[in-house]
Amino acid sequence: MAGFLDRAKEQAQRGLTQGKQKIDEVQAQRTGGDLLKTLGAAYLAERRGSGSPQATQQALQAVESHIATHGDGFLRA
């Protein structure tokens, strides 16, 4: 009986780990999407004359930093 409980506990732990990884992936996707929206808004504002090149550059750097940390999978979504 103890062997069965140990296996069940290990399986449950794997499930929790996989669930946490999936949640982290989804959060990274959302953050990436938000950063892209910010970049687009900064670029549009700059093109229309109400924004600054610095704001666009900062938004671009934030996207590049996110890519370096989490990969570029959010660009394909």
N, C-alpha and C. Protein backbone atom coordinates (compact mmCIF):
# COMPACT_ATOMS: atom_id res chain seq x y z
N MET A 1 0.82 -1.20 0.00
CA MET A 1 0.00 0.00 0.00
C MET A 1 0.87 1.26 0.00
N ALA A 2 1.99 1.22 0.73
CA ALA A 2 2.85 2.39 0.80
C ALA A 2 3.44 2.71 -0.57
N GLY A 3 3.79 1.69 -1.34
CA GLY A 3 4.32 1.90 -2.69
C GLY A 3 3.32 2.60 -3.58
N PHE A 4 2.06 2.21 -3.47
CA PHE A 4 1.01 2.84 -4.25
C PHE A 4 0.87 4.30 -3.89
N LEU A 5 0.89 4.60 -2.60
CA LEU A 5 0.76 5.99 -2.15
C LEU A 5 1.96 6.83 -2.58
N ASP A 6 3.15 6.24 -2.55
CA ASP A 6 4.34 6.96 -3.00
C ASP A 6 4.24 7.29 -4.49
N ARG A 7 3.78 6.33 -5.29
CA ARG A 7 3.63 6.57 -6.72
C ARG A 7 2.56 7.63 -6.99
N ALA A 8 1.47 7.56 -6.24
CA ALA A 8 0.41 8.55 -6.41
C ALA A 8 0.91 9.95 -6.03
N LYS A 9 1.69 10.02 -4.97
CA LYS A 9 2.24 11.31 -4.54
C LYS A 9 3.19 11.87 -5.60
N GLU A 10 4.05 11.02 -6.16
CA GLU A 10 4.98 11.45 -7.21
C GLU A 10 4.22 11.93 -8.44
N GLN A 11 3.18 11.22 -8.82
CA GLN A 11 2.39 11.59 -9.98
C GLN A 11 1.68 12.93 -9.75
N ALA A 12 1.17 13.11 -8.56
CA ALA A 12 0.50 14.37 -8.23
C ALA A 12 1.50 15.53 -8.27
N GLN A 13 2.71 15.29 -7.77
CA GLN A 13 3.74 16.33 -7.79
C GLN A 13 4.12 16.69 -9.23
N ARG A 14 4.23 15.69 -10.09
CA ARG A 14 4.53 15.97 -11.51
C ARG A 14 3.42 16.80 -12.13
N GLY A 15 2.18 16.46 -11.81
CA GLY A 15 1.05 17.22 -12.33
C GLY A 15 1.08 18.67 -11.88
N LEU A 16 1.41 18.89 -10.63
CA LEU A 16 1.52 20.26 -10.11
C LEU A 16 2.63 21.03 -10.80
N THR A 17 3.75 20.37 -11.01
CA THR A 17 4.88 21.00 -11.67
C THR A 17 4.53 21.37 -13.12
N GLN A 18 3.88 20.45 -13.82
CA GLN A 18 3.47 20.72 -15.20
C GLN A 18 2.44 21.86 -15.25
N GLY A 19 1.53 21.87 -14.31
CA GLY A 19 0.53 22.93 -14.25
C GLY A 19 1.16 24.29 -14.02
N LYS A 20 2.14 24.35 -13.11
CA LYS A 20 2.83 25.61 -12.84
C LYS A 20 3.59 26.08 -14.07
N GLN A 21 4.23 25.16 -14.78
CA GLN A 21 4.95 25.53 -15.99
C GLN A 21 4.00 26.11 -17.04
N LYS A 22 2.84 25.50 -17.18
CA LYS A 22 1.86 25.99 -18.15
C LYS A 22 1.37 27.39 -17.77
N ILE A 23 1.12 27.59 -16.49
CA ILE A 23 0.68 28.91 -16.02
C ILE A 23 1.76 29.95 -16.31
N ASP A 24 3.02 29.59 -16.05
CA ASP A 24 4.13 30.52 -16.32
C ASP A 24 4.21 30.84 -17.82
N GLU A 25 3.99 29.85 -18.68
CA GLU A 25 4.00 30.07 -20.12
C GLU A 25 2.89 31.04 -20.54
N VAL A 26 1.70 30.82 -20.00
CA VAL A 26 0.57 31.67 -20.35
C VAL A 26 0.82 33.10 -19.88
N GLN A 27 1.36 33.26 -18.69
CA GLN A 27 1.65 34.60 -18.18
C GLN A 27 2.72 35.29 -19.03
N ALA A 28 3.73 34.54 -19.47
CA ALA A 28 4.77 35.11 -20.33
C ALA A 28 4.17 35.53 -21.68
N GLN A 29 3.24 34.72 -22.20
CA GLN A 29 2.56 35.06 -23.45
C GLN A 29 1.78 36.37 -23.31
N ARG A 30 1.04 36.48 -22.22
CA ARG A 30 0.24 37.69 -21.99
C ARG A 30 1.13 38.91 -21.83
N THR A 31 2.19 38.76 -21.06
CA THR A 31 3.11 39.88 -20.86
C THR A 31 3.72 40.30 -22.19
N GLY A 32 4.13 39.31 -22.98
CA GLY A 32 4.69 39.62 -24.30
C GLY A 32 3.70 40.35 -25.18
N GLY A 33 2.46 39.92 -25.17
CA GLY A 33 1.42 40.60 -25.94
C GLY A 33 1.21 42.02 -25.48
N ASP A 34 1.22 42.21 -24.17
CA ASP A 34 1.06 43.57 -23.62
C ASP A 34 2.23 44.46 -24.02
N LEU A 35 3.43 43.89 -24.01
CA LEU A 35 4.61 44.68 -24.41
C LEU A 35 4.54 45.06 -25.88
N LEU A 36 4.05 44.14 -26.71
CA LEU A 36 3.89 44.46 -28.13
C LEU A 36 2.87 45.57 -28.34
N LYS A 37 1.78 45.54 -27.58
CA LYS A 37 0.78 46.60 -27.68
C LYS A 37 1.38 47.94 -27.28
N THR A 38 2.17 47.93 -26.23
CA THR A 38 2.82 49.16 -25.78
C THR A 38 3.78 49.68 -26.84
N LEU A 39 4.53 48.78 -27.46
CA LEU A 39 5.45 49.17 -28.52
C LEU A 39 4.68 49.76 -29.70
N GLY A 40 3.61 49.11 -30.09
CA GLY A 40 2.80 49.62 -31.20
C GLY A 40 2.22 50.99 -30.90
N ALA A 41 1.73 51.17 -29.68
CA ALA A 41 1.16 52.46 -29.30
C ALA A 41 2.24 53.55 -29.28
N ALA A 42 3.43 53.21 -28.79
CA ALA A 42 4.51 54.19 -28.74
C ALA A 42 4.95 54.57 -30.16
N TYR A 43 5.02 53.58 -31.03
CA TYR A 43 5.41 53.84 -32.41
C TYR A 43 4.37 54.72 -33.11
N LEU A 44 3.11 54.39 -32.94
CA LEU A 44 2.04 55.18 -33.56
C LEU A 44 2.06 56.61 -33.04
N ALA A 45 2.21 56.76 -31.73
CA ALA A 45 2.25 58.10 -31.15
C ALA A 45 3.44 58.89 -31.71
N GLU A 46 4.58 58.21 -31.85
CA GLU A 46 5.75 58.90 -32.41
C GLU A 46 5.48 59.32 -33.85
N ARG A 47 4.91 58.45 -34.64
CA ARG A 47 4.63 58.75 -36.05
C ARG A 47 3.62 59.89 -36.20
N ARG A 48 2.69 59.98 -35.25
CA ARG A 48 1.66 61.02 -35.33
C ARG A 48 2.12 62.33 -34.70
N GLY A 49 3.32 62.33 -34.13
CA GLY A 49 3.87 63.55 -33.57
C GLY A 49 3.57 63.78 -32.11
N SER A 50 2.86 62.89 -31.47
CA SER A 50 2.54 63.09 -30.05
C SER A 50 3.40 62.22 -29.13
N GLY A 51 4.28 61.42 -29.71
CA GLY A 51 5.15 60.56 -28.91
C GLY A 51 6.60 60.92 -29.14
N SER A 52 7.45 60.19 -28.47
CA SER A 52 8.88 60.48 -28.58
C SER A 52 9.64 59.23 -29.03
N PRO A 53 10.76 59.43 -29.68
CA PRO A 53 11.59 58.28 -30.04
C PRO A 53 12.09 57.52 -28.81
N GLN A 54 12.27 58.24 -27.71
CA GLN A 54 12.73 57.60 -26.48
C GLN A 54 11.69 56.60 -25.96
N ALA A 55 10.42 56.97 -26.02
CA ALA A 55 9.37 56.07 -25.56
C ALA A 55 9.31 54.82 -26.44
N THR A 56 9.47 55.01 -27.74
CA THR A 56 9.48 53.87 -28.66
C THR A 56 10.68 52.99 -28.37
N GLN A 57 11.83 53.59 -28.16
CA GLN A 57 13.04 52.81 -27.87
C GLN A 57 12.91 52.04 -26.56
N GLN A 58 12.33 52.66 -25.55
CA GLN A 58 12.13 51.97 -24.26
C GLN A 58 11.20 50.78 -24.43
N ALA A 59 10.13 50.96 -25.20
CA ALA A 59 9.19 49.88 -25.42
C ALA A 59 9.86 48.75 -26.20
N LEU A 60 10.68 49.09 -27.18
CA LEU A 60 11.40 48.08 -27.95
C LEU A 60 12.38 47.32 -27.06
N GLN A 61 13.07 48.02 -26.20
CA GLN A 61 14.00 47.37 -25.28
C GLN A 61 13.26 46.42 -24.34
N ALA A 62 12.07 46.80 -23.89
CA ALA A 62 11.28 45.93 -23.03
C ALA A 62 10.90 44.64 -23.76
N VAL A 63 10.51 44.76 -25.04
CA VAL A 63 10.17 43.58 -25.83
C VAL A 63 11.41 42.70 -26.01
N GLU A 64 12.54 43.31 -26.34
CA GLU A 64 13.77 42.54 -26.53
C GLU A 64 14.21 41.85 -25.25
N SER A 65 14.04 42.49 -24.13
CA SER A 65 14.37 41.89 -22.84
C SER A 65 13.47 40.69 -22.56
N HIS A 66 12.20 40.84 -22.87
CA HIS A 66 11.25 39.75 -22.67
C HIS A 66 11.62 38.56 -23.56
N ILE A 67 12.00 38.84 -24.80
CA ILE A 67 12.41 37.77 -25.71
C ILE A 67 13.65 37.06 -25.17
N ALA A 68 14.60 37.81 -24.65
CA ALA A 68 15.82 37.22 -24.11
C ALA A 68 15.51 36.30 -22.93
N THR A 69 14.51 36.66 -22.15
CA THR A 69 14.18 35.88 -20.96
C THR A 69 13.25 34.71 -21.27
N HIS A 70 12.24 34.94 -22.11
CA HIS A 70 11.18 33.96 -22.30
C HIS A 70 11.10 33.38 -23.71
N GLY A 71 11.92 33.85 -24.61
CA GLY A 71 11.84 33.39 -26.00
C GLY A 71 10.84 34.22 -26.78
N ASP A 72 10.74 33.91 -28.08
CA ASP A 72 9.89 34.71 -28.94
C ASP A 72 8.59 34.01 -29.34
N GLY A 73 8.18 33.04 -28.57
CA GLY A 73 6.96 32.30 -28.88
C GLY A 73 5.73 33.17 -28.92
N PHE A 74 5.70 34.23 -28.15
CA PHE A 74 4.52 35.11 -28.12
C PHE A 74 4.36 35.89 -29.41
N LEU A 75 5.43 35.97 -30.22
CA LEU A 75 5.33 36.67 -31.48
C LEU A 75 4.52 35.89 -32.51
N ARG A 76 4.41 34.59 -32.33
CA ARG A 76 3.69 33.74 -33.26
C ARG A 76 2.23 33.53 -32.88
N ALA A 77 1.88 33.96 -31.70
CA ALA A 77 0.51 33.69 -31.20
C ALA A 77 -0.49 34.65 -31.79
